Amino acid sequence: MADVTSHDRLLDEITGPTPGQMLRKRVFGHQGLLIGLVVLLLLTLVAIFAPWLAPHDPYAQSLMTRMEPPVFMGGSWDHPLGTDHLGRDYLSRLIYGARVSLLIGAVAALISGVIGTAMGVAAGYFGGKVDTVVTFLINVRLAMPVVLVALAVVAILGGSLEVVIVVLGLLLWDRFAVVMRASTMQVRRREYVAAAQVIGASTPRILLSEIMPNIANNLIVVVTLEMAHAILLEAALSFLGLGVQPPTPSWGLMVSEGKNMMLFEPWLVLIPGAVLFVLVLAINLMGDGLRDVTAPENRS
């Protein structure tokens, strides 16, 4: 048995660690990635199990218990984070608000990612007139201020969860297009792409098998950045009264509703603002960590 063990150890030293072992080592050795993943996973679980975790109905109003302070400011445990100006439980609305933020961030990033990635990869791979048209569209989009355009469109169509998601999804594709275009231009000059073209591989096969796997790490970073960007934009629109409409729980709307009492009851703004900060920070940490782990220079 000892000989077999020593033989296996010697074999591992000769052959080196497997790709799976190297990946696990990089993942568990990256503190930022682990912190971001854990926080994002916890908030996602909170959003999924909101009906079981929320101590009260987030829509239930009670003027008899309005503006109760949180526990750490002398309040009761019946409302651990206090109540708002309509007597609604703040903790319950905070828990349900995670659903709104995560849904808007994920779906808006998905819509913009599909649009921007398709445009960027096409421009970077085909070049010529395709690249000229895509570059023109990117310049047009960059000339449009996102917040002002979103405000105008939402004001015309009316604020709702669906409208906010679609508007943000159609406005945040430019970064995907720029990064994917540059990354594709670099990858298409590599030897393995030329080899695939020589053996007669079809264009879709080259794009899916040779191009996309080698620009995926850049795509991951942009997805996380735009997801966080969409969440902040939704909070800004809701704060201005043109995003998610009351009584739907939204962290941006909670900040907006508490701003008039900010000098007297600052926790009305600080609590949802702090949770929003933690969510965006976790997404950015996860994106940076995934970029480091999946970078081509770190795979060998």
C-alpha atoms as a PDB file:
ATOM      1  CA  MET A   1       0.000   0.000   0.000  1.00  0.00           C
ATOM      2  CA  ALA A   2       2.836   2.380   0.813  1.00  0.00           C
ATOM      3  CA  ASP A   3       4.421   1.699  -2.562  1.00  0.00           C
ATOM      4  CA  VAL A   4       1.143   2.465  -4.336  1.00  0.00           C
ATOM      5  CA  THR A   5       0.728   5.709  -2.399  1.00  0.00           C
ATOM      6  CA  SER A   6       4.264   6.858  -3.104  1.00  0.00           C
ATOM      7  CA  HIS A   7       3.817   5.910  -6.753  1.00  0.00           C
ATOM      8  CA  ASP A   8       0.642   8.036  -7.024  1.00  0.00           C
ATOM      9  CA  ARG A   9       2.368  10.933  -5.321  1.00  0.00           C
ATOM     10  CA  LEU A  10       5.323  10.675  -7.681  1.00  0.00           C
ATOM     11  CA  LEU A  11       2.935  10.525 -10.649  1.00  0.00           C
ATOM     12  CA  ASP A  12       1.161  13.673  -9.472  1.00  0.00           C
ATOM     13  CA  GLU A  13       4.491  15.474  -9.156  1.00  0.00           C
ATOM     14  CA  ILE A  14       5.444  14.493 -12.684  1.00  0.00           C
ATOM     15  CA  THR A  15       2.138  15.207 -14.411  1.00  0.00           C
ATOM     16  CA  GLY A  16       1.209  18.216 -12.257  1.00  0.00           C
ATOM     17  CA  PRO A  17      -2.256  19.180 -11.005  1.00  0.00           C
ATOM     18  CA  THR A  18      -5.272  18.593 -13.220  1.00  0.00           C
ATOM     19  CA  PRO A  19      -7.182  21.562 -14.719  1.00  0.00           C
ATOM     20  CA  GLY A  20     -10.004  20.958 -12.244  1.00  0.00           C
ATOM     21  CA  GLN A  21      -7.618  21.084  -9.298  1.00  0.00           C
ATOM     22  CA  MET A  22      -6.037  24.279 -10.611  1.00  0.00           C
ATOM     23  CA  LEU A  23      -9.457  25.883 -11.064  1.00  0.00           C
ATOM     24  CA  ARG A  24     -10.529  24.996  -7.518  1.00  0.00           C
ATOM     25  CA  LYS A  25      -7.270  26.368  -6.181  1.00  0.00           C
ATOM     26  CA  ARG A  26      -7.745  29.668  -8.022  1.00  0.00           C
ATOM     27  CA  VAL A  27     -11.388  29.969  -6.939  1.00  0.00           C
ATOM     28  CA  PHE A  28     -10.838  29.203  -3.251  1.00  0.00           C
ATOM     29  CA  GLY A  29      -7.677  31.309  -3.199  1.00  0.00           C
ATOM     30  CA  HIS A  30      -9.447  34.454  -4.403  1.00  0.00           C
ATOM     31  CA  GLN A  31     -10.971  36.217  -1.393  1.00  0.00           C
ATOM     32  CA  GLY A  32     -12.825  38.866  -3.374  1.00  0.00           C
ATOM     33  CA  LEU A  33     -14.536  36.248  -5.518  1.00  0.00           C
ATOM     34  CA  LEU A  34     -15.571  34.185  -2.499  1.00  0.00           C
ATOM     35  CA  ILE A  35     -16.926  37.215  -0.622  1.00  0.00           C
ATOM     36  CA  GLY A  36     -18.880  38.403  -3.651  1.00  0.00           C
ATOM     37  CA  LEU A  37     -20.294  34.943  -4.354  1.00  0.00           C
ATOM     38  CA  VAL A  38     -21.348  34.368  -0.744  1.00  0.00           C
ATOM     39  CA  VAL A  39     -23.046  37.762  -0.379  1.00  0.00           C
ATOM     40  CA  LEU A  40     -24.776  37.490  -3.756  1.00  0.00           C
ATOM     41  CA  LEU A  41     -25.904  33.940  -2.988  1.00  0.00           C
ATOM     42  CA  LEU A  42     -27.318  35.010   0.370  1.00  0.00           C
ATOM     43  CA  LEU A  43     -29.226  37.927  -1.161  1.00  0.00           C
ATOM     44  CA  THR A  44     -30.517  35.654  -3.926  1.00  0.00           C
ATOM     45  CA  LEU A  45     -31.758  33.128  -1.368  1.00  0.00           C
ATOM     46  CA  VAL A  46     -33.393  35.951   0.571  1.00  0.00           C
ATOM     47  CA  ALA A  47     -35.178  37.062  -2.589  1.00  0.00           C
ATOM     48  CA  ILE A  48     -36.300  33.530  -3.476  1.00  0.00           C
ATOM     49  CA  PHE A  49     -37.598  32.689  -0.007  1.00  0.00           C
ATOM     50  CA  ALA A  50     -38.988  36.171   0.717  1.00  0.00           C
ATOM     51  CA  PRO A  51     -42.540  34.924   1.513  1.00  0.00           C
ATOM     52  CA  TRP A  52     -41.134  32.674   4.259  1.00  0.00           C
ATOM     53  CA  LEU A  53     -38.491  35.086   5.587  1.00  0.00           C
ATOM     54  CA  ALA A  54     -40.536  38.298   5.737  1.00  0.00           C
ATOM     55  CA  PRO A  55     -42.105  38.685   9.208  1.00  0.00           C
ATOM     56  CA  HIS A  56     -45.018  40.789   7.882  1.00  0.00           C
ATOM     57  CA  ASP A  57     -46.897  41.546   4.695  1.00  0.00           C
ATOM     58  CA  PRO A  58     -44.793  44.205   2.925  1.00  0.00           C
ATOM     59  CA  TYR A  59     -47.962  45.926   1.692  1.00  0.00           C
ATOM     60  CA  ALA A  60     -49.886  45.936   4.993  1.00  0.00           C
ATOM     61  CA  GLN A  61     -50.385  49.450   6.368  1.00  0.00           C
ATOM     62  CA  SER A  62     -50.985  50.426   9.984  1.00  0.00           C
ATOM     63  CA  LEU A  63     -51.079  54.093  10.899  1.00  0.00           C
ATOM     64  CA  MET A  64     -51.019  53.099  14.574  1.00  0.00           C
ATOM     65  CA  THR A  65     -47.459  51.816  14.211  1.00  0.00           C
ATOM     66  CA  ARG A  66     -46.068  54.285  11.669  1.00  0.00           C
ATOM     67  CA  MET A  67     -42.481  55.539  11.939  1.00  0.00           C
ATOM     68  CA  GLU A  68     -41.407  53.067  14.595  1.00  0.00           C
ATOM     69  CA  PRO A  69     -37.611  53.088  14.957  1.00  0.00           C
ATOM     70  CA  PRO A  70     -35.494  49.960  14.400  1.00  0.00           C
ATOM     71  CA  VAL A  71     -34.335  47.788  17.291  1.00  0.00           C
ATOM     72  CA  PHE A  72     -30.873  49.356  17.443  1.00  0.00           C
ATOM     73  CA  MET A  73     -32.543  52.735  18.025  1.00  0.00           C
ATOM     74  CA  GLY A  74     -34.911  51.600  20.746  1.00  0.00           C
ATOM     75  CA  GLY A  75     -37.657  49.971  18.681  1.00  0.00           C
ATOM     76  CA  SER A  76     -39.437  46.672  19.284  1.00  0.00           C
ATOM     77  CA  TRP A  77     -38.569  43.235  17.915  1.00  0.00           C
ATOM     78  CA  ASP A  78     -42.000  43.041  16.306  1.00  0.00           C
ATOM     79  CA  HIS A  79     -40.542  45.358  13.638  1.00  0.00           C
ATOM     80  CA  PRO A  80     -36.751  44.799  13.827  1.00  0.00           C
ATOM     81  CA  LEU A  81     -35.967  47.499  11.257  1.00  0.00           C
ATOM     82  CA  GLY A  82     -38.892  49.745  12.156  1.00  0.00           C
ATOM     83  CA  THR A  83     -41.794  50.898   9.983  1.00  0.00           C
ATOM     84  CA  ASP A  84     -42.201  53.544   7.290  1.00  0.00           C
ATOM     85  CA  HIS A  85     -44.560  56.522   7.077  1.00  0.00           C
ATOM     86  CA  LEU A  86     -47.503  54.204   6.325  1.00  0.00           C
ATOM     87  CA  GLY A  87     -46.717  51.715   9.079  1.00  0.00           C
ATOM     88  CA  ARG A  88     -45.363  49.051   6.707  1.00  0.00           C
ATOM     89  CA  ASP A  89     -42.707  46.744   8.112  1.00  0.00           C
ATOM     90  CA  TYR A  90     -39.332  47.936   6.833  1.00  0.00           C
ATOM     91  CA  LEU A  91     -37.599  44.561   7.057  1.00  0.00           C
ATOM     92  CA  SER A  92     -40.316  42.877   4.999  1.00  0.00           C
ATOM     93  CA  ARG A  93     -40.155  45.558   2.326  1.00  0.00           C
ATOM     94  CA  LEU A  94     -36.369  45.312   2.313  1.00  0.00           C
ATOM     95  CA  ILE A  95     -36.544  41.536   1.774  1.00  0.00           C
ATOM     96  CA  TYR A  96     -39.066  41.811  -1.057  1.00  0.00           C
ATOM     97  CA  GLY A  97     -37.077  44.679  -2.553  1.00  0.00           C
ATOM     98  CA  ALA A  98     -34.208  42.255  -3.195  1.00  0.00           C
ATOM     99  CA  ARG A  99     -36.464  40.513  -5.714  1.00  0.00           C
ATOM    100  CA  VAL A 100     -36.984  43.705  -7.690  1.00  0.00           C
ATOM    101  CA  SER A 101     -33.304  44.685  -7.770  1.00  0.00           C
ATOM    102  CA  LEU A 102     -31.986  41.239  -8.697  1.00  0.00           C
ATOM    103  CA  LEU A 103     -34.679  40.684 -11.329  1.00  0.00           C
ATOM    104  CA  ILE A 104     -34.075  44.029 -13.011  1.00  0.00           C
ATOM    105  CA  GLY A 105     -30.293  43.633 -12.875  1.00  0.00           C
ATOM    106  CA  ALA A 106     -30.259  40.089 -14.263  1.00  0.00           C
ATOM    107  CA  VAL A 107     -32.849  40.530 -17.037  1.00  0.00           C
ATOM    108  CA  ALA A 108     -31.586  43.945 -18.158  1.00  0.00           C
ATOM    109  CA  ALA A 109     -28.014  42.604 -18.324  1.00  0.00           C
ATOM    110  CA  LEU A 110     -29.260  39.584 -20.294  1.00  0.00           C
ATOM    111  CA  ILE A 111     -31.108  41.711 -22.866  1.00  0.00           C
ATOM    112  CA  SER A 112     -28.277  44.196 -23.312  1.00  0.00           C
ATOM    113  CA  GLY A 113     -25.714  41.371 -23.315  1.00  0.00           C
ATOM    114  CA  VAL A 114     -27.395  39.526 -26.179  1.00  0.00           C
ATOM    115  CA  ILE A 115     -27.682  42.707 -28.254  1.00  0.00           C
ATOM    116  CA  GLY A 116     -24.210  44.084 -27.541  1.00  0.00           C
ATOM    117  CA  THR A 117     -22.367  40.771 -27.789  1.00  0.00           C
ATOM    118  CA  ALA A 118     -23.939  39.918 -31.142  1.00  0.00           C
ATOM    119  CA  MET A 119     -23.048  43.339 -32.543  1.00  0.00           C
ATOM    120  CA  GLY A 120     -19.533  43.370 -31.109  1.00  0.00           C
ATOM    121  CA  VAL A 121     -18.600  39.862 -32.214  1.00  0.00           C
ATOM    122  CA  ALA A 122     -19.985  40.475 -35.711  1.00  0.00           C
ATOM    123  CA  ALA A 123     -18.059  43.741 -36.035  1.00  0.00           C
ATOM    124  CA  GLY A 124     -14.835  42.287 -34.694  1.00  0.00           C
ATOM    125  CA  TYR A 125     -14.913  39.113 -36.786  1.00  0.00           C
ATOM    126  CA  PHE A 126     -16.223  40.321 -40.156  1.00  0.00           C
ATOM    127  CA  GLY A 127     -14.829  43.878 -40.131  1.00  0.00           C
ATOM    128  CA  GLY A 128     -15.420  46.034 -43.191  1.00  0.00           C
ATOM    129  CA  LYS A 129     -18.907  47.441 -43.644  1.00  0.00           C
ATOM    130  CA  VAL A 130     -20.263  45.453 -40.693  1.00  0.00           C
ATOM    131  CA  ASP A 131     -17.682  47.034 -38.413  1.00  0.00           C
ATOM    132  CA  THR A 132     -18.458  50.488 -39.831  1.00  0.00           C
ATOM    133  CA  VAL A 133     -22.187  50.143 -39.190  1.00  0.00           C
ATOM    134  CA  VAL A 134     -21.718  48.754 -35.667  1.00  0.00           C
ATOM    135  CA  THR A 135     -19.191  51.462 -34.803  1.00  0.00           C
ATOM    136  CA  PHE A 136     -21.641  54.119 -36.001  1.00  0.00           C
ATOM    137  CA  LEU A 137     -24.407  52.623 -33.836  1.00  0.00           C
ATOM    138  CA  ILE A 138     -22.071  52.515 -30.833  1.00  0.00           C
ATOM    139  CA  ASN A 139     -21.173  56.184 -31.330  1.00  0.00           C
ATOM    140  CA  VAL A 140     -24.860  57.102 -31.595  1.00  0.00           C
ATOM    141  CA  ARG A 141     -25.600  55.220 -28.401  1.00  0.00           C
ATOM    142  CA  LEU A 142     -22.664  56.791 -26.548  1.00  0.00           C
ATOM    143  CA  ALA A 143     -23.919  60.234 -27.544  1.00  0.00           C
ATOM    144  CA  MET A 144     -27.205  59.556 -25.738  1.00  0.00           C
ATOM    145  CA  PRO A 145     -27.162  60.123 -21.941  1.00  0.00           C
ATOM    146  CA  VAL A 146     -28.606  56.972 -20.409  1.00  0.00           C
ATOM    147  CA  VAL A 147     -30.350  58.562 -17.443  1.00  0.00           C
ATOM    148  CA  LEU A 148     -32.025  61.308 -19.460  1.00  0.00           C
ATOM    149  CA  VAL A 149     -33.177  58.932 -22.188  1.00  0.00           C
ATOM    150  CA  ALA A 150     -34.465  56.459 -19.602  1.00  0.00           C
ATOM    151  CA  LEU A 151     -36.301  59.246 -17.782  1.00  0.00           C
ATOM    152  CA  ALA A 152     -37.912  60.458 -21.000  1.00  0.00           C
ATOM    153  CA  VAL A 153     -38.972  56.993 -22.182  1.00  0.00           C
ATOM    154  CA  VAL A 154     -40.304  55.917 -18.793  1.00  0.00           C
ATOM    155  CA  ALA A 155     -42.166  59.221 -18.435  1.00  0.00           C
ATOM    156  CA  ILE A 156     -43.847  58.631 -21.803  1.00  0.00           C
ATOM    157  CA  LEU A 157     -44.613  54.924 -21.389  1.00  0.00           C
ATOM    158  CA  GLY A 158     -45.309  55.039 -17.661  1.00  0.00           C
ATOM    159  CA  GLY A 159     -43.253  53.612 -14.829  1.00  0.00           C
ATOM    160  CA  SER A 160     -43.564  49.889 -14.199  1.00  0.00           C
ATOM    161  CA  LEU A 161     -41.280  46.937 -13.573  1.00  0.00           C
ATOM    162  CA  GLU A 162     -41.584  45.649 -17.149  1.00  0.00           C
ATOM    163  CA  VAL A 163     -40.968  49.057 -18.737  1.00  0.00           C
ATOM    164  CA  VAL A 164     -37.891  49.696 -16.595  1.00  0.00           C
ATOM    165  CA  ILE A 165     -36.403  46.302 -17.495  1.00  0.00           C
ATOM    166  CA  VAL A 166     -36.950  46.746 -21.239  1.00  0.00           C
ATOM    167  CA  VAL A 167     -35.700  50.346 -21.291  1.00  0.00           C
ATOM    168  CA  LEU A 168     -32.520  49.530 -19.368  1.00  0.00           C
ATOM    169  CA  GLY A 169     -31.936  46.398 -21.457  1.00  0.00           C
ATOM    170  CA  LEU A 170     -32.137  48.437 -24.668  1.00  0.00           C
ATOM    171  CA  LEU A 171     -29.852  51.192 -23.351  1.00  0.00           C
ATOM    172  CA  LEU A 172     -26.950  49.324 -21.752  1.00  0.00           C
ATOM    173  CA  TRP A 173     -25.615  47.290 -24.683  1.00  0.00           C
ATOM    174  CA  ASP A 174     -22.852  49.716 -25.742  1.00  0.00           C
ATOM    175  CA  ARG A 175     -20.203  48.438 -23.316  1.00  0.00           C
ATOM    176  CA  PHE A 176     -20.849  44.869 -24.416  1.00  0.00           C
ATOM    177  CA  ALA A 177     -20.408  45.888 -28.059  1.00  0.00           C
ATOM    178  CA  VAL A 178     -17.190  47.844 -27.454  1.00  0.00           C
ATOM    179  CA  VAL A 179     -15.490  45.171 -25.340  1.00  0.00           C
ATOM    180  CA  MET A 180     -16.628  42.234 -27.488  1.00  0.00           C
ATOM    181  CA  ARG A 181     -15.551  44.001 -30.672  1.00  0.00           C
ATOM    182  CA  ALA A 182     -12.042  44.664 -29.347  1.00  0.00           C
ATOM    183  CA  SER A 183     -11.714  41.160 -27.877  1.00  0.00           C
ATOM    184  CA  THR A 184     -12.898  39.493 -31.075  1.00  0.00           C
ATOM    185  CA  MET A 185     -10.445  41.506 -33.168  1.00  0.00           C
ATOM    186  CA  GLN A 186      -7.601  40.193 -31.012  1.00  0.00           C
ATOM    187  CA  VAL A 187      -8.758  36.578 -31.035  1.00  0.00           C
ATOM    188  CA  ARG A 188      -9.533  36.328 -34.756  1.00  0.00           C
ATOM    189  CA  ARG A 189      -5.825  36.779 -35.554  1.00  0.00           C
ATOM    190  CA  ARG A 190      -4.796  33.756 -33.497  1.00  0.00           C
ATOM    191  CA  GLU A 191      -3.459  30.585 -35.106  1.00  0.00           C
ATOM    192  CA  TYR A 192      -6.293  28.343 -33.941  1.00  0.00           C
ATOM    193  CA  VAL A 193      -8.853  30.538 -35.703  1.00  0.00           C
ATOM    194  CA  ALA A 194      -6.813  30.442 -38.906  1.00  0.00           C
ATOM    195  CA  ALA A 195      -6.490  26.657 -38.576  1.00  0.00           C
ATOM    196  CA  ALA A 196     -10.259  26.293 -38.195  1.00  0.00           C
ATOM    197  CA  GLN A 197     -10.779  28.396 -41.310  1.00  0.00           C
ATOM    198  CA  VAL A 198      -8.259  26.337 -43.268  1.00  0.00           C
ATOM    199  CA  ILE A 199      -9.944  23.016 -42.484  1.00  0.00           C
ATOM    200  CA  GLY A 200     -13.252  24.455 -43.684  1.00  0.00           C
ATOM    201  CA  ALA A 201     -15.095  25.048 -40.413  1.00  0.00           C
ATOM    202  CA  SER A 202     -18.270  27.072 -40.839  1.00  0.00           C
ATOM    203  CA  THR A 203     -18.506  30.624 -39.536  1.00  0.00           C
ATOM    204  CA  PRO A 204     -21.035  29.767 -36.774  1.00  0.00           C
ATOM    205  CA  ARG A 205     -18.768  26.927 -35.620  1.00  0.00           C
ATOM    206  CA  ILE A 206     -15.728  29.203 -35.515  1.00  0.00           C
ATOM    207  CA  LEU A 207     -17.629  31.861 -33.585  1.00  0.00           C
ATOM    208  CA  LEU A 208     -19.070  29.412 -31.055  1.00  0.00           C
ATOM    209  CA  SER A 209     -16.083  27.065 -30.686  1.00  0.00           C
ATOM    210  CA  GLU A 210     -13.059  29.299 -31.185  1.00  0.00           C
ATOM    211  CA  ILE A 211     -14.073  32.917 -30.581  1.00  0.00           C
ATOM    212  CA  MET A 212     -16.634  32.873 -27.755  1.00  0.00           C
ATOM    213  CA  PRO A 213     -14.711  30.601 -25.306  1.00  0.00           C
ATOM    214  CA  ASN A 214     -11.690  32.872 -25.560  1.00  0.00           C
ATOM    215  CA  ILE A 215     -13.564  36.123 -24.941  1.00  0.00           C
ATOM    216  CA  ALA A 216     -15.883  34.705 -22.274  1.00  0.00           C
ATOM    217  CA  ASN A 217     -13.804  36.095 -19.408  1.00  0.00           C
ATOM    218  CA  ASN A 218     -14.204  39.640 -20.733  1.00  0.00           C
ATOM    219  CA  LEU A 219     -17.914  39.015 -21.238  1.00  0.00           C
ATOM    220  CA  ILE A 220     -18.269  37.916 -17.605  1.00  0.00           C
ATOM    221  CA  VAL A 221     -16.795  41.171 -16.353  1.00  0.00           C
ATOM    222  CA  VAL A 222     -19.076  43.289 -18.548  1.00  0.00           C
ATOM    223  CA  VAL A 223     -22.147  41.279 -17.473  1.00  0.00           C
ATOM    224  CA  THR A 224     -21.450  41.929 -13.806  1.00  0.00           C
ATOM    225  CA  LEU A 225     -20.679  45.613 -14.411  1.00  0.00           C
ATOM    226  CA  GLU A 226     -23.877  46.154 -16.373  1.00  0.00           C
ATOM    227  CA  MET A 227     -25.934  44.169 -13.874  1.00  0.00           C
ATOM    228  CA  ALA A 228     -24.735  46.481 -11.107  1.00  0.00           C
ATOM    229  CA  HIS A 229     -25.251  49.485 -13.402  1.00  0.00           C
ATOM    230  CA  ALA A 230     -28.844  48.437 -14.119  1.00  0.00           C
ATOM    231  CA  ILE A 231     -29.580  48.025 -10.410  1.00  0.00           C
ATOM    232  CA  LEU A 232     -28.260  51.514  -9.652  1.00  0.00           C
ATOM    233  CA  LEU A 233     -30.187  53.030 -12.566  1.00  0.00           C
ATOM    234  CA  GLU A 234     -33.398  51.370 -11.388  1.00  0.00           C
ATOM    235  CA  ALA A 235     -32.816  52.784  -7.915  1.00  0.00           C
ATOM    236  CA  ALA A 236     -32.208  56.242  -9.419  1.00  0.00           C
ATOM    237  CA  LEU A 237     -35.368  56.081 -11.546  1.00  0.00           C
ATOM    238  CA  SER A 238     -37.421  54.859  -8.589  1.00  0.00           C
ATOM    239  CA  PHE A 239     -35.948  57.609  -6.429  1.00  0.00           C
ATOM    240  CA  LEU A 240     -37.117  60.166  -8.994  1.00  0.00           C
ATOM    241  CA  GLY A 241     -40.581  58.608  -9.094  1.00  0.00           C
ATOM    242  CA  LEU A 242     -40.291  57.258 -12.657  1.00  0.00           C
ATOM    243  CA  GLY A 243     -39.170  53.713 -11.939  1.00  0.00           C
ATOM    244  CA  VAL A 244     -40.961  50.989 -10.038  1.00  0.00           C
ATOM    245  CA  GLN A 245     -44.189  52.461  -8.772  1.00  0.00           C
ATOM    246  CA  PRO A 246     -45.557  52.199  -5.218  1.00  0.00           C
ATOM    247  CA  PRO A 247     -46.599  50.160  -3.391  1.00  0.00           C
ATOM    248  CA  THR A 248     -44.111  47.708  -5.002  1.00  0.00           C
ATOM    249  CA  PRO A 249     -41.131  47.275  -2.630  1.00  0.00           C
ATOM    250  CA  SER A 250     -38.026  48.784  -4.215  1.00  0.00           C
ATOM    251  CA  TRP A 251     -34.866  49.915  -2.474  1.00  0.00           C
ATOM    252  CA  GLY A 252     -34.689  53.069  -4.591  1.00  0.00           C
ATOM    253  CA  LEU A 253     -38.335  53.815  -3.852  1.00  0.00           C
ATOM    254  CA  MET A 254     -37.718  53.262  -0.127  1.00  0.00           C
ATOM    255  CA  VAL A 255     -34.906  55.830  -0.248  1.00  0.00           C
ATOM    256  CA  SER A 256     -37.205  58.236  -2.094  1.00  0.00           C
ATOM    257  CA  GLU A 257     -40.015  57.786   0.412  1.00  0.00           C
ATOM    258  CA  GLY A 258     -37.656  58.361   3.338  1.00  0.00           C
ATOM    259  CA  LYS A 259     -35.764  61.379   1.972  1.00  0.00           C
ATOM    260  CA  ASN A 260     -38.200  63.903   3.467  1.00  0.00           C
ATOM    261  CA  MET A 261     -37.496  62.518   6.957  1.00  0.00           C
ATOM    262  CA  MET A 262     -33.777  62.002   6.405  1.00  0.00           C
ATOM    263  CA  LEU A 263     -32.710  64.638   8.955  1.00  0.00           C
ATOM    264  CA  PHE A 264     -35.009  63.267  11.668  1.00  0.00           C
ATOM    265  CA  GLU A 265     -35.093  59.533  10.875  1.00  0.00           C
ATOM    266  CA  PRO A 266     -31.898  58.861   8.875  1.00  0.00           C
ATOM    267  CA  TRP A 267     -32.330  55.070   9.094  1.00  0.00           C
ATOM    268  CA  LEU A 268     -35.151  55.332   6.527  1.00  0.00           C
ATOM    269  CA  VAL A 269     -32.508  56.181   3.918  1.00  0.00           C
ATOM    270  CA  LEU A 270     -29.415  54.535   5.380  1.00  0.00           C
ATOM    271  CA  ILE A 271     -30.841  51.001   5.613  1.00  0.00           C
ATOM    272  CA  PRO A 272     -31.949  50.549   1.969  1.00  0.00           C
ATOM    273  CA  GLY A 273     -28.936  52.548   0.796  1.00  0.00           C
ATOM    274  CA  ALA A 274     -26.563  50.272   2.709  1.00  0.00           C
ATOM    275  CA  VAL A 275     -28.169  47.112   1.322  1.00  0.00           C
ATOM    276  CA  LEU A 276     -28.009  48.526  -2.200  1.00  0.00           C
ATOM    277  CA  PHE A 277     -24.320  49.322  -1.669  1.00  0.00           C
ATOM    278  CA  VAL A 278     -23.616  45.784  -0.423  1.00  0.00           C
ATOM    279  CA  LEU A 279     -25.381  44.192  -3.412  1.00  0.00           C
ATOM    280  CA  VAL A 280     -23.534  46.285  -6.002  1.00  0.00           C
ATOM    281  CA  LEU A 281     -20.213  45.729  -4.231  1.00  0.00           C
ATOM    282  CA  ALA A 282     -20.791  41.956  -4.131  1.00  0.00           C
ATOM    283  CA  ILE A 283     -21.575  41.856  -7.856  1.00  0.00           C
ATOM    284  CA  ASN A 284     -18.433  43.837  -8.703  1.00  0.00           C
ATOM    285  CA  LEU A 285     -16.250  41.665  -6.458  1.00  0.00           C
ATOM    286  CA  MET A 286     -17.650  38.545  -8.085  1.00  0.00           C
ATOM    287  CA  GLY A 287     -17.065  39.944 -11.575  1.00  0.00           C
ATOM    288  CA  ASP A 288     -13.471  40.925 -10.850  1.00  0.00           C
ATOM    289  CA  GLY A 289     -12.836  37.545  -9.253  1.00  0.00           C
ATOM    290  CA  LEU A 290     -14.283  35.600 -12.171  1.00  0.00           C
ATOM    291  CA  ARG A 291     -12.168  37.692 -14.536  1.00  0.00           C
ATOM    292  CA  ASP A 292      -9.020  36.791 -12.606  1.00  0.00           C
ATOM    293  CA  VAL A 293      -9.927  33.106 -12.370  1.00  0.00           C
ATOM    294  CA  THR A 294     -10.914  32.653 -16.016  1.00  0.00           C
ATOM    295  CA  ALA A 295      -8.195  34.825 -17.560  1.00  0.00           C
ATOM    296  CA  PRO A 296      -6.272  32.872 -20.237  1.00  0.00           C
ATOM    297  CA  GLU A 297      -2.911  33.691 -18.625  1.00  0.00           C
ATOM    298  CA  ASN A 298      -4.071  31.987 -15.409  1.00  0.00           C
ATOM    299  CA  ARG A 299      -5.192  28.705 -17.015  1.00  0.00           C
ATOM    300  CA  SER A 300      -1.775  27.168 -17.419  1.00  0.00           C
END
